[in-house]
Protein backbone atom coordinates (compact mmCIF):
# COMPACT_ATOMS: atom_id res chain seq x y z
CA MET A 1 13.41 39.26 -106.83
CA LYS A 2 15.37 37.01 -104.46
CA SER A 3 12.56 36.91 -101.90
CA LEU A 4 10.02 35.89 -104.54
CA CYS A 5 12.24 33.09 -105.80
CA ARG A 6 12.99 32.05 -102.19
CA THR A 7 9.28 31.77 -101.47
CA ILE A 8 8.84 29.36 -104.39
CA LEU A 9 11.98 27.40 -103.52
CA ASP A 10 10.67 26.82 -99.96
CA MET A 11 7.34 25.39 -101.16
CA PRO A 12 7.00 21.60 -100.74
CA GLU A 13 5.50 21.42 -104.24
CA PHE A 14 8.71 22.83 -105.68
CA ALA A 15 10.78 20.16 -103.98
CA GLY A 16 8.69 17.56 -105.78
CA LEU A 17 9.05 19.41 -109.08
CA LYS A 18 12.82 19.64 -108.70
CA SER A 19 13.02 15.93 -107.95
CA ARG A 20 11.07 15.15 -111.12
CA LEU A 21 13.24 17.45 -113.23
CA GLU A 22 16.51 16.02 -111.95
CA GLY A 23 15.34 12.40 -112.12
CA SER A 24 13.71 10.45 -114.90
CA GLY A 25 10.16 11.39 -114.06
CA GLY A 26 9.22 12.22 -117.64
CA VAL A 27 6.68 14.94 -118.34
CA THR A 28 5.46 16.94 -115.36
CA MET A 29 2.42 19.20 -115.49
CA VAL A 30 2.31 22.16 -113.13
CA CYS A 31 -1.14 23.69 -112.72
CA GLY A 32 -2.48 26.77 -111.00
CA VAL A 33 0.40 29.12 -111.77
CA PRO A 34 -0.94 32.56 -112.84
CA PRO A 35 0.73 34.10 -115.92
CA ALA A 36 2.49 36.76 -113.84
CA PHE A 37 4.22 34.07 -111.73
CA ARG A 38 5.32 31.73 -114.51
CA ALA A 39 8.48 33.75 -115.10
CA ILE A 40 9.27 33.63 -111.37
CA LEU A 41 8.83 29.84 -111.41
CA ALA A 42 11.10 29.54 -114.45
CA ALA A 43 13.72 31.74 -112.78
CA ALA A 44 13.52 29.63 -109.61
CA ILE A 45 13.98 26.42 -111.62
CA ARG A 46 16.97 27.90 -113.45
CA ARG A 47 18.52 29.13 -110.21
CA GLU A 48 18.00 25.92 -108.27
CA THR A 49 19.00 23.41 -110.95
CA GLY A 50 21.71 25.50 -112.64
CA ARG A 51 20.50 24.20 -115.98
CA PHE A 52 20.00 26.15 -119.16
CA THR A 53 16.24 26.56 -119.53
CA ALA A 54 14.07 26.71 -122.65
CA ILE A 55 10.58 28.19 -122.41
CA LEU A 56 7.82 27.69 -124.97
CA CYS A 57 5.22 30.40 -125.51
CA ALA A 58 2.13 30.51 -127.70
CA THR A 59 3.08 33.68 -129.61
CA ASP A 60 6.13 35.81 -130.38
CA ALA A 61 4.62 38.64 -128.30
CA ALA A 62 4.27 36.33 -125.30
CA ALA A 63 7.86 35.14 -125.82
CA THR A 64 9.16 38.73 -125.80
CA ALA A 65 7.27 39.52 -122.59
CA MET A 66 8.50 36.32 -120.94
CA ALA A 67 12.12 37.10 -121.91
CA GLY A 68 11.95 40.44 -120.12
CA ASP A 69 10.37 38.90 -117.03
CA VAL A 70 12.77 35.95 -116.61
CA SER A 71 15.75 38.23 -117.22
CA PHE A 72 14.51 40.52 -114.43
CA PHE A 73 13.83 37.76 -111.92
CA SER A 74 16.89 35.62 -112.68
CA GLY A 75 19.54 38.20 -113.53
CA LEU A 76 20.40 36.11 -116.60
CA GLU A 77 19.74 37.04 -120.21
CA GLY A 78 16.67 35.53 -121.84
CA VAL A 79 16.92 35.51 -125.63
CA VAL A 80 13.93 35.21 -127.95
CA LEU A 81 14.20 32.96 -130.98
CA PRO A 82 11.92 34.50 -133.61
CA GLY A 83 10.05 32.40 -136.10
CA ARG A 84 10.20 32.98 -139.82
CA GLU A 85 8.15 32.12 -142.87
CA PRO A 86 9.97 29.78 -145.27
CA VAL A 87 10.23 31.27 -148.76
CA PHE A 88 9.36 28.86 -151.56
CA TYR A 89 8.82 31.37 -154.37
CA PRO A 90 11.13 34.06 -155.82
CA VAL A 91 10.67 37.35 -154.00
CA GLU A 92 12.18 40.69 -154.97
CA GLY A 93 14.04 42.52 -152.21
CA ILE A 94 13.63 39.74 -149.65
CA SER A 95 14.66 40.55 -146.07
CA ARG A 96 16.89 38.15 -144.16
CA SER A 97 16.43 39.93 -140.82
CA PHE A 98 14.60 37.09 -139.07
CA GLU A 99 17.17 34.57 -140.32
CA GLN A 100 19.96 36.80 -139.04
CA GLN A 101 18.25 37.22 -135.67
CA ARG A 102 17.90 33.46 -135.37
CA LEU A 103 21.58 32.92 -136.17
CA ALA A 104 22.56 35.49 -133.54
CA VAL A 105 20.46 33.64 -130.94
CA PHE A 106 21.98 30.28 -131.91
CA HIS A 107 25.45 31.79 -131.57
CA GLN A 108 24.65 33.23 -128.14
CA VAL A 109 23.42 29.85 -126.92
CA LEU A 110 26.49 28.06 -128.27
CA GLN A 111 28.76 30.61 -126.58
CA GLY A 112 26.95 30.24 -123.24
CA GLN A 113 25.89 33.90 -123.32
CA ALA A 114 22.23 33.23 -122.48
CA GLY A 115 20.47 31.66 -119.52
CA PHE A 116 17.12 31.12 -121.21
CA LEU A 117 15.86 30.44 -124.71
CA ILE A 118 12.28 31.57 -125.26
CA ALA A 119 10.44 30.58 -128.44
CA THR A 120 7.20 29.39 -129.97
CA PRO A 121 7.01 25.69 -130.90
CA GLU A 122 7.09 26.67 -134.59
CA ALA A 123 10.28 28.72 -134.18
CA LEU A 124 11.90 25.91 -132.19
CA MET A 125 11.19 23.17 -134.74
CA LEU A 126 12.11 24.89 -138.02
CA ARG A 127 14.84 23.10 -139.95
CA THR A 128 18.06 25.09 -139.74
CA VAL A 129 21.84 25.01 -140.09
CA PRO A 130 23.38 22.26 -137.90
CA PRO A 131 25.31 23.57 -134.85
CA ALA A 132 28.63 22.04 -135.95
CA LEU A 133 28.39 23.70 -139.36
CA LEU A 134 27.54 27.08 -137.83
CA LYS A 135 30.51 26.81 -135.46
CA GLU A 136 33.00 26.11 -138.24
CA SER A 137 31.54 28.82 -140.46
CA VAL A 138 32.08 31.71 -138.02
CA ILE A 139 34.94 34.01 -139.03
CA LYS A 140 36.92 35.29 -136.05
CA LEU A 141 39.13 38.32 -136.58
CA ALA A 142 41.45 40.05 -134.13
CA VAL A 143 43.81 43.02 -134.29
CA ASP A 144 47.50 42.14 -134.90
CA GLU A 145 46.63 38.73 -136.35
CA ASP A 146 47.13 37.62 -139.96
CA TYR A 147 44.34 36.83 -142.43
CA PRO A 148 45.00 36.71 -146.20
CA MET A 149 42.42 39.15 -147.57
CA ASP A 150 41.72 37.15 -150.74
CA GLU A 151 40.89 34.05 -148.69
CA LEU A 152 38.80 36.16 -146.33
CA THR A 153 36.67 37.65 -149.11
CA GLU A 154 36.23 34.21 -150.68
CA LYS A 155 34.93 32.86 -147.39
CA LEU A 156 32.55 35.81 -147.02
CA VAL A 157 31.08 34.99 -150.44
CA ALA A 158 30.74 31.32 -149.41
CA MET A 159 28.86 32.47 -146.31
CA GLY A 160 26.32 34.34 -148.39
CA TYR A 161 27.78 37.87 -148.24
CA ARG A 162 27.48 40.05 -151.33
CA ARG A 163 30.11 42.47 -152.63
CA ALA A 164 28.99 46.10 -152.87
CA ASP A 165 30.60 49.45 -153.63
CA GLN A 166 29.57 50.62 -150.17
CA VAL A 167 27.98 48.56 -147.41
CA GLU A 168 24.47 49.65 -146.51
CA GLY A 169 22.91 46.65 -144.80
CA PRO A 170 23.67 43.28 -143.15
CA GLY A 171 25.15 40.65 -145.45
CA GLN A 172 27.27 43.02 -147.56
CA PHE A 173 31.01 43.68 -147.81
CA ALA A 174 33.18 46.15 -149.72
CA ARG A 175 36.90 46.07 -150.40
CA ARG A 176 39.07 49.08 -151.18
CA GLY A 177 42.80 48.45 -151.19
CA GLY A 178 43.78 47.43 -147.68
CA ILE A 179 40.39 48.27 -146.18
CA LEU A 180 37.58 45.74 -145.86
CA ASP A 181 34.11 46.86 -144.77
CA VAL A 182 31.80 44.08 -143.58
CA PHE A 183 28.27 44.28 -142.21
CA PRO A 184 28.03 41.16 -139.99
CA ALA A 185 24.56 39.66 -139.95
CA GLN A 186 24.27 39.80 -136.16
CA LEU A 187 25.40 43.42 -135.67
CA SER A 188 23.47 46.67 -135.96
CA GLN A 189 26.39 48.52 -137.64
CA PRO A 190 29.13 47.52 -140.10
CA VAL A 191 32.77 46.95 -139.20
CA ARG A 192 35.78 48.50 -140.95
CA ILE A 193 38.90 46.30 -140.97
CA GLU A 194 42.19 47.96 -141.92
CA PHE A 195 45.02 45.72 -143.10
CA PHE A 196 48.77 46.22 -143.24
CA GLY A 197 49.69 43.48 -145.68
CA ASP A 198 47.84 40.44 -144.34
CA THR A 199 47.83 41.74 -140.76
CA VAL A 200 44.77 43.36 -139.21
CA ASP A 201 46.07 46.77 -138.17
CA ALA A 202 42.83 48.23 -136.77
CA MET A 203 39.11 47.54 -136.57
CA GLY A 204 36.11 49.59 -135.66
CA VAL A 205 32.36 49.96 -135.95
CA PHE A 206 31.30 52.78 -138.27
CA ASN A 207 28.19 54.65 -139.35
CA PRO A 208 27.26 53.53 -142.89
CA VAL A 209 25.78 56.96 -143.68
CA SER A 210 28.55 59.27 -142.43
CA GLN A 211 31.29 56.61 -142.86
CA ARG A 212 32.72 57.76 -139.52
CA ARG A 213 34.04 55.27 -136.99
CA THR A 214 31.96 55.22 -133.81
CA ASP A 215 33.89 52.68 -131.75
CA ASN A 216 37.12 50.68 -131.87
CA LEU A 217 37.22 46.89 -131.71
CA ARG A 218 39.89 44.39 -130.80
CA ARG A 219 37.92 41.34 -131.97
CA VAL A 220 34.90 40.60 -134.10
CA GLU A 221 33.02 37.48 -135.11
CA ILE A 222 31.20 37.28 -138.44
CA LEU A 223 28.26 34.90 -138.76
CA PRO A 224 26.82 33.63 -142.08
CA ALA A 225 24.71 36.19 -143.94
CA GLY A 226 21.57 34.06 -143.64
CA GLU A 227 20.15 30.94 -142.06
CA VAL A 228 19.94 29.15 -145.41
CA VAL A 229 23.15 29.60 -147.44
CA PRO A 230 23.34 27.37 -150.56
CA ALA A 231 27.15 27.61 -150.71
CA MET A 232 27.33 25.89 -147.29
CA ALA A 233 25.84 22.70 -148.79
CA PRO A 234 28.12 19.63 -148.84
CA GLY A 235 30.43 20.00 -151.82
CA GLY A 236 29.49 23.64 -152.43
CA LEU A 237 27.36 25.22 -155.12
CA ALA A 238 28.47 22.99 -157.99
CA VAL A 239 27.44 19.79 -156.20
CA LEU A 240 24.19 21.37 -155.00
CA ALA A 241 23.34 22.53 -158.54
CA GLU A 242 23.83 18.98 -159.83
CA LYS A 243 21.59 17.58 -157.10
CA VAL A 244 18.89 20.13 -157.98
CA ARG A 245 19.07 19.17 -161.66
CA ASN A 246 18.70 15.50 -160.72
CA LEU A 247 15.53 16.07 -158.70
CA LEU A 248 13.38 15.36 -161.75
CA LYS A 249 15.64 12.73 -163.28
CA GLY A 250 13.69 9.62 -164.27
CA LYS A 251 10.32 11.18 -163.43
CA LYS A 252 7.51 11.09 -165.98
CA ASN A 253 4.83 13.63 -166.83
CA VAL A 254 6.70 16.50 -165.20
CA PRO A 255 4.88 19.83 -165.71
CA GLN A 256 6.86 22.12 -167.98
CA LYS A 257 6.74 25.01 -165.52
CA LEU A 258 8.26 22.85 -162.77
CA SER A 259 10.97 21.61 -165.13
CA GLU A 260 11.79 25.19 -166.13
CA THR A 261 11.91 26.31 -162.50
CA ILE A 262 14.31 23.52 -161.50
CA ALA A 263 16.57 24.26 -164.48
CA ALA A 264 16.60 27.99 -163.71
CA ASP A 265 17.44 27.39 -160.05
CA ALA A 266 20.27 25.01 -160.96
CA ALA A 267 21.69 27.60 -163.37
CA ALA A 268 21.46 30.29 -160.69
CA LEU A 269 23.40 28.09 -158.27
CA GLU A 270 26.09 27.36 -160.87
CA ASN A 271 26.53 31.09 -161.49
CA ASN A 272 26.38 31.99 -157.77
CA THR A 273 23.33 34.14 -158.41
CA PRO A 274 21.21 34.94 -155.31
CA LEU A 275 18.43 32.36 -154.89
CA THR A 276 15.68 33.91 -152.78
CA ALA A 277 13.69 30.67 -152.71
CA ALA A 278 16.53 28.57 -151.32
CA ASP A 279 14.23 27.24 -148.60
CA ARG A 280 12.73 24.75 -151.05
CA TYR A 281 16.11 23.01 -151.21
CA LEU A 282 16.74 22.92 -147.45
CA PRO A 283 17.08 19.09 -147.29
CA LEU A 284 19.80 19.29 -149.96
CA ILE A 285 21.61 22.22 -148.37
CA TYR A 286 21.54 20.74 -144.85
CA PRO A 287 21.03 16.96 -145.32
CA ASP A 288 21.28 16.28 -141.57
CA PHE A 289 18.11 17.56 -139.96
CA ALA A 290 18.72 20.10 -137.23
CA CYS A 291 16.49 22.54 -135.39
CA ALA A 292 16.87 24.87 -132.40
CA LEU A 293 16.59 21.91 -130.00
CA ASP A 294 19.97 20.72 -131.28
CA TYR A 295 21.55 23.93 -129.95
CA LEU A 296 20.44 23.31 -126.39
CA PRO A 297 23.09 22.07 -123.93
CA GLU A 298 22.98 18.37 -123.02
């Protein structure tokens, strides 16, 4: 790996490329690089400049392959930002897995835990939660620290988590006395948090089927349950519901079906009922436009 990167670094063409990247040379086109060597070139650029590197690929499959290659050649983790299809119509049993994967990638980039971000242009440009809002929304828990459980459960609800008798999938939580089970959106297994009063006495990952703890934890971070969480809108659900109701205010010749849909969505928001088609209100939920580019380091 090092010898391949060294070969590229010693090429006179690379010296010119590095100069363009570090200066104000604008867009630079590099031609004649076979697909198998593009990852080596990206790894060499990352190694020589020390800069976080984003790579665009034509498809998700190409992005996955590129992530494995640049990780191998650079020794740094390459994370793939998946795309997702915005949902504009009510869907029964909708999956938030792609949203949750995207949030996990954003969090990794913000924490400096990745050396490369690999994505398609579509995945990169989708409107999403602004970085500052995601940062302040993350719940950080640690053993022997105090967290009032009532406030904690209220924040989980505001982050899109749903109460259940027993957690079975990401985005759910269950409370039984001094025990709080949470399935963080970015983890593959739920976490059991045991309280003594308001103090976290113990934490651990557990199997949701057997309910047996599989590993102990000292700390855990809980991300929002989805990429689009109506309760995270400025002013909360009540203000968002009012804005939705006012969308048709003063408009003439509004189709009855559209009027009924808007009214039903506003009522769902007021009652904190899950809104599977929340994507159609993205500009109201996150008024300041942000996409994955906003998560990249300066």
